[in-house]
Protein backbone atom coordinates (compact mmCIF):
# COMPACT_ATOMS: atom_id res chain seq x y z
CA UNK A 1 113.50 397.11 204.04
CA UNK A 2 112.37 393.85 202.45
CA UNK A 3 110.38 393.79 199.24
CA UNK A 4 107.21 392.99 201.12
CA UNK A 5 106.04 395.69 203.48
CA UNK A 6 104.46 395.14 206.87
CA UNK A 7 102.53 397.17 209.42
CA UNK A 8 105.90 397.93 211.04
CA UNK A 9 107.32 399.52 207.89
CA UNK A 10 107.96 403.26 208.08
CA UNK A 11 105.61 405.17 205.77
CA UNK A 12 108.41 407.30 204.30
CA UNK A 13 110.53 404.22 203.53
CA UNK A 14 107.60 402.51 201.83
CA UNK A 15 106.89 405.53 199.63
CA UNK A 16 110.55 406.01 198.74
CA UNK A 17 111.06 402.40 197.69
CA UNK A 18 107.58 401.84 196.24
CA UNK A 19 106.08 405.07 194.84
CA UNK A 20 102.96 403.17 193.75
CA UNK A 21 102.12 402.91 197.47
CA UNK A 22 101.10 406.59 197.44
CA UNK A 23 98.08 405.68 195.32
CA UNK A 24 97.05 403.01 197.82
CA UNK A 25 97.54 405.28 200.83
CA UNK A 26 95.39 407.95 199.15
CA UNK A 27 92.69 405.46 198.11
CA UNK A 28 92.46 404.26 201.70
CA UNK A 29 92.24 407.80 203.12
CA UNK A 30 95.79 408.16 204.45
CA UNK A 31 96.87 411.46 202.88
CA UNK A 32 99.79 412.30 205.13
CA UNK A 33 102.45 410.40 203.17
CA UNK A 34 104.44 413.61 202.75
CA UNK A 35 104.06 415.02 206.25
CA UNK A 36 106.80 415.06 208.86
CA UNK A 37 105.25 412.18 210.78
CA UNK A 38 105.69 409.89 207.76
CA UNK A 39 109.45 410.03 208.36
CA UNK A 40 109.16 408.08 211.59
CA UNK A 41 105.66 406.66 211.75
CA UNK A 42 104.85 403.05 210.91
CA UNK A 43 102.06 402.12 208.56
CA UNK A 44 100.18 400.71 211.53
CA UNK A 45 100.52 403.90 213.60
CA UNK A 46 99.54 406.14 210.68
CA UNK A 47 96.50 404.03 209.93
CA UNK A 48 95.48 403.90 213.60
CA UNK A 49 95.69 407.70 213.86
CA UNK A 50 93.25 408.01 210.96
CA UNK A 51 90.95 405.09 211.78
CA UNK A 52 92.09 403.07 208.77
CA UNK A 53 92.53 399.29 208.60
CA UNK A 54 96.32 398.76 208.48
CA UNK A 55 95.97 395.13 207.38
CA UNK A 56 94.02 396.22 204.31
CA UNK A 57 96.52 398.96 203.44
CA UNK A 58 99.48 396.58 203.75
CA UNK A 59 97.69 393.94 201.69
CA UNK A 60 96.87 396.45 198.91
CA UNK A 61 100.39 397.88 198.80
CA UNK A 62 101.92 394.41 198.59
CA UNK A 63 99.49 393.59 195.76
CA UNK A 64 100.65 396.68 193.88
CA UNK A 65 104.30 395.75 194.42
CA UNK A 66 103.62 392.23 193.10
CA UNK A 67 101.81 393.63 190.04
CA UNK A 68 104.72 395.91 189.24
CA UNK A 69 107.25 393.08 189.61
CA UNK A 70 105.16 390.91 187.31
CA UNK A 71 104.99 393.69 184.70
CA UNK A 72 108.78 394.19 184.92
CA UNK A 73 109.37 390.48 184.33
CA UNK A 74 107.16 390.57 181.22
CA UNK A 75 109.27 393.40 179.81
CA UNK A 76 112.41 391.26 179.98
């Protein structure tokens, strides 16, 4: 998986690589990040099943990833 996630990213993979994504999923109303479907469901499919805007979720997660990378660079 690349650093930047997309609507085609698998929810489980996103959460494993970027734990801060859980906060974003929860804020947007997608609470099934730990369910069995998260193992094989894309961000887009999960959002569609819950009536959530996948573009917004992806944008917010990528913002959180960028913030974390920026903070890590400042530490060095």
